[in-house]
Amino acid sequence: MEGLNHNSRAGPAYWRVEGSLLELTTVRSIAFFTWNAQTFTERWLRRGWVLAMALARPFLYAANRTFATKVMHTVLRGISRDRLDSLGEEYFDYKLKPFLKPEGVAKLRELVNSGASVVLVSQGLDHVMGPLARHLGVKWIIANRLEFRDGIATGRLLQPVIRPRGWFAGWPQRRGMAGHRSRPSQRRRVAGCDYSGRAGASCGGTANRPF
């Protein structure tokens, strides 16, 4: 597996998905996963929990966005990895792909075609961001990842947790390209996942995250 081009003078280009490519919220994708749980009882139990979390979300996010992000994903406990992979593909194909922003996609593909090592950064789950990355021809993503035991989600998020951006953080980037190259002083080493293969992700490498 090839690593990120860390030896490049300019460094990797980080591209935030939210705002530039999609209007993506955590609640919508989780609601889709829970509504498509395998049994009728599971669907309604999980959907009730999602509704409760959606009502509490503004208060949780106001207190601590990272903690709120962790809490929101606990409802996915007990769902298999294969099921989440399948639902992630379906969610991207039918709920996200038709609403990709053409201008953002064009600018991102221009950056990819220039030979830059592009890293998509998103608060979404890797089960959804993986299909997006493959669709756009991007090899690396930094996204939220669930912990699994024996192929079943525990409801916990692995580190690093990518929290949602602030209420007004998206405004400047909607006026221009959201991708940027980080300065060395801004970088932190975090897990990066290679999504260039159709079979799934390889998360053995590292990527730099500029925040």
C-alpha atoms as a PDB file:
ATOM      1  CA  MET A   1       0.000   0.000   0.000  1.00  0.00           C
ATOM      2  CA  GLU A   2       1.344   3.379  -0.919  1.00  0.00           C
ATOM      3  CA  GLY A   3       1.453   5.963   1.835  1.00  0.00           C
ATOM      4  CA  LEU A   4       0.600   9.616   1.605  1.00  0.00           C
ATOM      5  CA  ASN A   5       3.144  11.721  -0.170  1.00  0.00           C
ATOM      6  CA  HIS A   6       4.550  13.257   3.006  1.00  0.00           C
ATOM      7  CA  ASN A   7       7.841  14.029   1.281  1.00  0.00           C
ATOM      8  CA  SER A   8       6.182  16.481  -1.064  1.00  0.00           C
ATOM      9  CA  ARG A   9       7.312  20.027  -0.408  1.00  0.00           C
ATOM     10  CA  ALA A  10       3.732  21.285  -0.373  1.00  0.00           C
ATOM     11  CA  GLY A  11       2.373  18.362   1.675  1.00  0.00           C
ATOM     12  CA  PRO A  12      -1.037  16.711   1.483  1.00  0.00           C
ATOM     13  CA  ALA A  13      -4.105  18.757   0.542  1.00  0.00           C
ATOM     14  CA  TYR A  14      -6.925  18.440   3.083  1.00  0.00           C
ATOM     15  CA  TRP A  15     -10.441  18.869   1.785  1.00  0.00           C
ATOM     16  CA  ARG A  16     -13.375  19.256   4.164  1.00  0.00           C
ATOM     17  CA  VAL A  17     -16.421  17.505   2.705  1.00  0.00           C
ATOM     18  CA  GLU A  18     -19.079  19.441   4.597  1.00  0.00           C
ATOM     19  CA  GLY A  19     -19.942  22.703   2.885  1.00  0.00           C
ATOM     20  CA  SER A  20     -17.808  22.263  -0.221  1.00  0.00           C
ATOM     21  CA  LEU A  21     -19.166  18.968  -1.582  1.00  0.00           C
ATOM     22  CA  LEU A  22     -22.256  18.171   0.504  1.00  0.00           C
ATOM     23  CA  GLU A  23     -24.556  19.499   3.172  1.00  0.00           C
ATOM     24  CA  LEU A  24     -23.962  16.563   5.489  1.00  0.00           C
ATOM     25  CA  THR A  25     -25.326  16.088   8.992  1.00  0.00           C
ATOM     26  CA  THR A  26     -24.612  13.285  11.427  1.00  0.00           C
ATOM     27  CA  VAL A  27     -28.263  12.818  12.391  1.00  0.00           C
ATOM     28  CA  ARG A  28     -29.510  12.071   8.866  1.00  0.00           C
ATOM     29  CA  SER A  29     -27.030   9.293   8.130  1.00  0.00           C
ATOM     30  CA  ILE A  30     -27.498   7.691  11.556  1.00  0.00           C
ATOM     31  CA  ALA A  31     -31.275   7.879  11.156  1.00  0.00           C
ATOM     32  CA  PHE A  32     -30.940   6.077   7.804  1.00  0.00           C
ATOM     33  CA  PHE A  33     -28.817   3.336   9.370  1.00  0.00           C
ATOM     34  CA  THR A  34     -31.205   2.847  12.265  1.00  0.00           C
ATOM     35  CA  TRP A  35     -34.355   2.868  10.133  1.00  0.00           C
ATOM     36  CA  ASN A  36     -32.846   0.095   8.037  1.00  0.00           C
ATOM     37  CA  ALA A  37     -31.922  -2.108  10.994  1.00  0.00           C
ATOM     38  CA  GLN A  38     -32.640  -5.757  10.421  1.00  0.00           C
ATOM     39  CA  THR A  39     -35.790  -6.257  12.520  1.00  0.00           C
ATOM     40  CA  PHE A  40     -38.951  -4.241  13.050  1.00  0.00           C
ATOM     41  CA  THR A  41     -38.348  -3.956  16.822  1.00  0.00           C
ATOM     42  CA  GLU A  42     -34.764  -2.820  16.304  1.00  0.00           C
ATOM     43  CA  ARG A  43     -35.926  -0.162  13.876  1.00  0.00           C
ATOM     44  CA  TRP A  44     -38.357   1.443  16.276  1.00  0.00           C
ATOM     45  CA  LEU A  45     -36.113   1.189  19.326  1.00  0.00           C
ATOM     46  CA  ARG A  46     -33.203   2.753  17.489  1.00  0.00           C
ATOM     47  CA  ARG A  47     -35.387   5.350  15.813  1.00  0.00           C
ATOM     48  CA  GLY A  48     -36.770   6.419  19.179  1.00  0.00           C
ATOM     49  CA  TRP A  49     -33.227   6.829  20.470  1.00  0.00           C
ATOM     50  CA  VAL A  50     -32.264   8.881  17.423  1.00  0.00           C
ATOM     51  CA  LEU A  51     -35.275  11.141  17.965  1.00  0.00           C
ATOM     52  CA  ALA A  52     -34.259  11.672  21.584  1.00  0.00           C
ATOM     53  CA  MET A  53     -30.696  12.444  20.541  1.00  0.00           C
ATOM     54  CA  ALA A  54     -31.884  14.840  17.846  1.00  0.00           C
ATOM     55  CA  LEU A  55     -33.863  16.786  20.453  1.00  0.00           C
ATOM     56  CA  ALA A  56     -30.911  16.859  22.829  1.00  0.00           C
ATOM     57  CA  ARG A  57     -28.352  17.529  20.091  1.00  0.00           C
ATOM     58  CA  PRO A  58     -28.304  21.362  20.278  1.00  0.00           C
ATOM     59  CA  PHE A  59     -27.601  21.246  24.016  1.00  0.00           C
ATOM     60  CA  LEU A  60     -24.999  18.478  23.711  1.00  0.00           C
ATOM     61  CA  TYR A  61     -23.191  20.250  20.888  1.00  0.00           C
ATOM     62  CA  ALA A  62     -23.252  23.535  22.764  1.00  0.00           C
ATOM     63  CA  ALA A  63     -21.587  21.835  25.721  1.00  0.00           C
ATOM     64  CA  ASN A  64     -19.022  19.712  23.880  1.00  0.00           C
ATOM     65  CA  ARG A  65     -19.127  18.818  20.182  1.00  0.00           C
ATOM     66  CA  THR A  66     -16.738  15.874  20.520  1.00  0.00           C
ATOM     67  CA  PHE A  67     -18.765  14.296  23.337  1.00  0.00           C
ATOM     68  CA  ALA A  68     -22.000  14.912  21.423  1.00  0.00           C
ATOM     69  CA  THR A  69     -20.565  13.179  18.350  1.00  0.00           C
ATOM     70  CA  LYS A  70     -19.666  10.127  20.437  1.00  0.00           C
ATOM     71  CA  VAL A  71     -23.122   9.981  22.029  1.00  0.00           C
ATOM     72  CA  MET A  72     -24.897  10.214  18.663  1.00  0.00           C
ATOM     73  CA  HIS A  73     -23.139   7.090  17.401  1.00  0.00           C
ATOM     74  CA  THR A  74     -23.955   4.869  20.386  1.00  0.00           C
ATOM     75  CA  VAL A  75     -27.295   4.030  18.736  1.00  0.00           C
ATOM     76  CA  LEU A  76     -25.409   1.995  16.116  1.00  0.00           C
ATOM     77  CA  ARG A  77     -24.327  -0.543  18.700  1.00  0.00           C
ATOM     78  CA  GLY A  78     -25.142  -4.103  17.662  1.00  0.00           C
ATOM     79  CA  ILE A  79     -25.175  -3.551  13.882  1.00  0.00           C
ATOM     80  CA  SER A  80     -22.743  -5.683  11.891  1.00  0.00           C
ATOM     81  CA  ARG A  81     -19.888  -4.221   9.877  1.00  0.00           C
ATOM     82  CA  ASP A  82     -21.204  -5.855   6.695  1.00  0.00           C
ATOM     83  CA  ARG A  83     -24.629  -4.281   7.240  1.00  0.00           C
ATOM     84  CA  LEU A  84     -23.130  -0.840   7.808  1.00  0.00           C
ATOM     85  CA  ASP A  85     -20.944  -1.191   4.719  1.00  0.00           C
ATOM     86  CA  SER A  86     -23.980  -2.115   2.638  1.00  0.00           C
ATOM     87  CA  LEU A  87     -26.117   0.698   4.052  1.00  0.00           C
ATOM     88  CA  GLY A  88     -23.263   3.166   3.618  1.00  0.00           C
ATOM     89  CA  GLU A  89     -23.056   2.367  -0.084  1.00  0.00           C
ATOM     90  CA  GLU A  90     -26.825   2.674  -0.413  1.00  0.00           C
ATOM     91  CA  TYR A  91     -26.944   5.955   1.515  1.00  0.00           C
ATOM     92  CA  PHE A  92     -24.259   7.479  -0.682  1.00  0.00           C
ATOM     93  CA  ASP A  93     -25.806   6.271  -3.951  1.00  0.00           C
ATOM     94  CA  TYR A  94     -29.363   7.426  -3.225  1.00  0.00           C
ATOM     95  CA  LYS A  95     -29.118  10.179  -0.613  1.00  0.00           C
ATOM     96  CA  LEU A  96     -25.800  11.936  -1.244  1.00  0.00           C
ATOM     97  CA  LYS A  97     -24.533  11.322  -4.773  1.00  0.00           C
ATOM     98  CA  PRO A  98     -27.447  13.161  -6.494  1.00  0.00           C
ATOM     99  CA  PHE A  99     -26.766  16.220  -4.328  1.00  0.00           C
ATOM    100  CA  LEU A 100     -23.014  16.587  -4.769  1.00  0.00           C
ATOM    101  CA  LYS A 101     -22.122  20.205  -5.530  1.00  0.00           C
ATOM    102  CA  PRO A 102     -20.823  20.375  -9.138  1.00  0.00           C
ATOM    103  CA  GLU A 103     -18.502  23.313  -8.502  1.00  0.00           C
ATOM    104  CA  GLY A 104     -16.886  21.653  -5.521  1.00  0.00           C
ATOM    105  CA  VAL A 105     -16.536  18.331  -7.349  1.00  0.00           C
ATOM    106  CA  ALA A 106     -14.907  20.053 -10.333  1.00  0.00           C
ATOM    107  CA  LYS A 107     -12.370  21.863  -8.141  1.00  0.00           C
ATOM    108  CA  LEU A 108     -11.573  18.725  -6.182  1.00  0.00           C
ATOM    109  CA  ARG A 109     -11.030  16.647  -9.310  1.00  0.00           C
ATOM    110  CA  GLU A 110      -8.819  19.387 -10.705  1.00  0.00           C
ATOM    111  CA  LEU A 111      -6.697  19.114  -7.562  1.00  0.00           C
ATOM    112  CA  VAL A 112      -6.609  15.310  -7.770  1.00  0.00           C
ATOM    113  CA  ASN A 113      -5.603  15.446 -11.456  1.00  0.00           C
ATOM    114  CA  SER A 114      -2.770  17.821 -10.577  1.00  0.00           C
ATOM    115  CA  GLY A 115      -1.123  14.972  -8.695  1.00  0.00           C
ATOM    116  CA  ALA A 116      -1.740  16.325  -5.202  1.00  0.00           C
ATOM    117  CA  SER A 117      -2.147  13.886  -2.303  1.00  0.00           C
ATOM    118  CA  VAL A 118      -5.740  14.765  -1.441  1.00  0.00           C
ATOM    119  CA  VAL A 119      -7.220  13.756   1.916  1.00  0.00           C
ATOM    120  CA  LEU A 120     -10.985  14.059   2.407  1.00  0.00           C
ATOM    121  CA  VAL A 121     -11.888  15.117   5.954  1.00  0.00           C
ATOM    122  CA  SER A 122     -15.423  14.561   7.237  1.00  0.00           C
ATOM    123  CA  GLN A 123     -17.501  14.162  10.364  1.00  0.00           C
ATOM    124  CA  GLY A 124     -19.332  11.324   8.581  1.00  0.00           C
ATOM    125  CA  LEU A 125     -18.680   7.634   9.099  1.00  0.00           C
ATOM    126  CA  ASP A 126     -16.128   5.884   6.912  1.00  0.00           C
ATOM    127  CA  HIS A 127     -18.924   3.558   5.729  1.00  0.00           C
ATOM    128  CA  VAL A 128     -20.342   6.575   3.856  1.00  0.00           C
ATOM    129  CA  MET A 129     -17.153   8.482   3.086  1.00  0.00           C
ATOM    130  CA  GLY A 130     -15.458   5.442   1.531  1.00  0.00           C
ATOM    131  CA  PRO A 131     -17.929   5.280  -1.384  1.00  0.00           C
ATOM    132  CA  LEU A 132     -17.636   9.061  -1.784  1.00  0.00           C
ATOM    133  CA  ALA A 133     -13.853   8.852  -1.963  1.00  0.00           C
ATOM    134  CA  ARG A 134     -13.962   6.102  -4.576  1.00  0.00           C
ATOM    135  CA  HIS A 135     -16.487   8.060  -6.623  1.00  0.00           C
ATOM    136  CA  LEU A 136     -14.219  11.125  -6.625  1.00  0.00           C
ATOM    137  CA  GLY A 137     -10.999   9.226  -7.225  1.00  0.00           C
ATOM    138  CA  VAL A 138      -9.548  10.168  -3.827  1.00  0.00           C
ATOM    139  CA  LYS A 139      -7.372   7.576  -2.127  1.00  0.00           C
ATOM    140  CA  TRP A 140      -7.280   8.833   1.467  1.00  0.00           C
ATOM    141  CA  ILE A 141      -9.925   9.931   3.947  1.00  0.00           C
ATOM    142  CA  ILE A 142     -10.028  10.985   7.584  1.00  0.00           C
ATOM    143  CA  ALA A 143     -13.497  10.239   8.961  1.00  0.00           C
ATOM    144  CA  ASN A 144     -15.166   8.834  12.026  1.00  0.00           C
ATOM    145  CA  ARG A 145     -14.750   5.096  12.529  1.00  0.00           C
ATOM    146  CA  LEU A 146     -16.721   2.766  14.760  1.00  0.00           C
ATOM    147  CA  GLU A 147     -15.144   0.157  16.996  1.00  0.00           C
ATOM    148  CA  PHE A 148     -16.079  -3.436  16.133  1.00  0.00           C
ATOM    149  CA  ARG A 149     -15.836  -6.660  18.109  1.00  0.00           C
ATOM    150  CA  ASP A 150     -16.313  -9.890  16.190  1.00  0.00           C
ATOM    151  CA  GLY A 151     -17.740  -7.844  13.326  1.00  0.00           C
ATOM    152  CA  ILE A 152     -20.381  -6.110  15.486  1.00  0.00           C
ATOM    153  CA  ALA A 153     -20.334  -2.385  16.287  1.00  0.00           C
ATOM    154  CA  THR A 154     -19.841  -1.512  19.955  1.00  0.00           C
ATOM    155  CA  GLY A 155     -21.257   1.992  19.486  1.00  0.00           C
ATOM    156  CA  ARG A 156     -17.910   3.597  20.357  1.00  0.00           C
ATOM    157  CA  LEU A 157     -15.932   5.810  18.000  1.00  0.00           C
ATOM    158  CA  LEU A 158     -12.235   5.225  17.471  1.00  0.00           C
ATOM    159  CA  GLN A 159      -9.790   8.074  17.833  1.00  0.00           C
ATOM    160  CA  PRO A 160      -9.531  10.613  16.382  1.00  0.00           C
ATOM    161  CA  VAL A 161     -13.150  11.774  16.634  1.00  0.00           C
ATOM    162  CA  ILE A 162     -13.940  14.258  13.861  1.00  0.00           C
ATOM    163  CA  ARG A 163     -16.403  16.673  15.378  1.00  0.00           C
ATOM    164  CA  PRO A 164     -18.808  18.859  13.398  1.00  0.00           C
ATOM    165  CA  ARG A 165     -17.633  22.307  12.510  1.00  0.00           C
ATOM    166  CA  GLY A 166     -18.902  25.353  14.383  1.00  0.00           C
ATOM    167  CA  TRP A 167     -22.180  27.020  13.460  1.00  0.00           C
ATOM    168  CA  PHE A 168     -20.495  29.656  11.278  1.00  0.00           C
ATOM    169  CA  ALA A 169     -17.310  27.847  10.274  1.00  0.00           C
ATOM    170  CA  GLY A 170     -18.620  26.905   6.832  1.00  0.00           C
ATOM    171  CA  TRP A 171     -19.312  30.445   5.619  1.00  0.00           C
ATOM    172  CA  PRO A 172     -15.860  31.458   4.297  1.00  0.00           C
ATOM    173  CA  GLN A 173     -15.247  28.106   2.610  1.00  0.00           C
ATOM    174  CA  ARG A 174     -18.535  28.218   0.704  1.00  0.00           C
ATOM    175  CA  ARG A 175     -17.141  31.210  -1.138  1.00  0.00           C
ATOM    176  CA  GLY A 176     -14.144  29.279  -2.381  1.00  0.00           C
ATOM    177  CA  MET A 177     -12.302  25.993  -2.482  1.00  0.00           C
ATOM    178  CA  ALA A 178     -12.361  24.145   0.812  1.00  0.00           C
ATOM    179  CA  GLY A 179      -9.153  22.208   0.225  1.00  0.00           C
ATOM    180  CA  HIS A 180      -5.923  23.586   1.618  1.00  0.00           C
ATOM    181  CA  ARG A 181      -2.432  22.513   2.518  1.00  0.00           C
ATOM    182  CA  SER A 182      -1.481  22.551   6.147  1.00  0.00           C
ATOM    183  CA  ARG A 183       1.508  24.293   7.660  1.00  0.00           C
ATOM    184  CA  PRO A 184       3.953  22.022   9.543  1.00  0.00           C
ATOM    185  CA  SER A 185       3.076  23.697  12.858  1.00  0.00           C
ATOM    186  CA  GLN A 186      -0.579  22.736  12.425  1.00  0.00           C
ATOM    187  CA  ARG A 187      -0.132  19.021  11.796  1.00  0.00           C
ATOM    188  CA  ARG A 188      -1.009  16.121  14.040  1.00  0.00           C
ATOM    189  CA  ARG A 189      -0.433  12.485  13.182  1.00  0.00           C
ATOM    190  CA  VAL A 190      -3.679  10.543  12.991  1.00  0.00           C
ATOM    191  CA  ALA A 191      -4.917   7.351  11.377  1.00  0.00           C
ATOM    192  CA  GLY A 192      -5.600   7.600   7.667  1.00  0.00           C
ATOM    193  CA  CYS A 193      -7.567   5.086   5.610  1.00  0.00           C
ATOM    194  CA  ASP A 194      -6.806   4.058   2.044  1.00  0.00           C
ATOM    195  CA  TYR A 195     -10.097   3.696   0.103  1.00  0.00           C
ATOM    196  CA  SER A 196      -8.665   3.225  -3.376  1.00  0.00           C
ATOM    197  CA  GLY A 197      -9.645  -0.457  -3.392  1.00  0.00           C
ATOM    198  CA  ARG A 198     -13.203  -1.601  -4.067  1.00  0.00           C
ATOM    199  CA  ALA A 199     -13.092  -4.282  -1.367  1.00  0.00           C
ATOM    200  CA  GLY A 200     -12.849  -1.875   1.544  1.00  0.00           C
ATOM    201  CA  ALA A 201     -10.408   0.211   3.525  1.00  0.00           C
ATOM    202  CA  SER A 202      -6.860  -0.295   4.673  1.00  0.00           C
ATOM    203  CA  CYS A 203      -6.201   1.831   7.752  1.00  0.00           C
ATOM    204  CA  GLY A 204      -2.655   0.813   8.522  1.00  0.00           C
ATOM    205  CA  GLY A 205      -1.069   4.073   7.403  1.00  0.00           C
ATOM    206  CA  THR A 206      -1.064   7.579   8.803  1.00  0.00           C
ATOM    207  CA  ALA A 207      -2.208  10.938   7.543  1.00  0.00           C
ATOM    208  CA  ASN A 208      -1.753  14.477   8.744  1.00  0.00           C
ATOM    209  CA  ARG A 209      -4.723  16.438  10.014  1.00  0.00           C
ATOM    210  CA  PRO A 210      -4.461  20.242  10.058  1.00  0.00           C
ATOM    211  CA  PHE A 211      -6.658  20.822  13.117  1.00  0.00           C
END
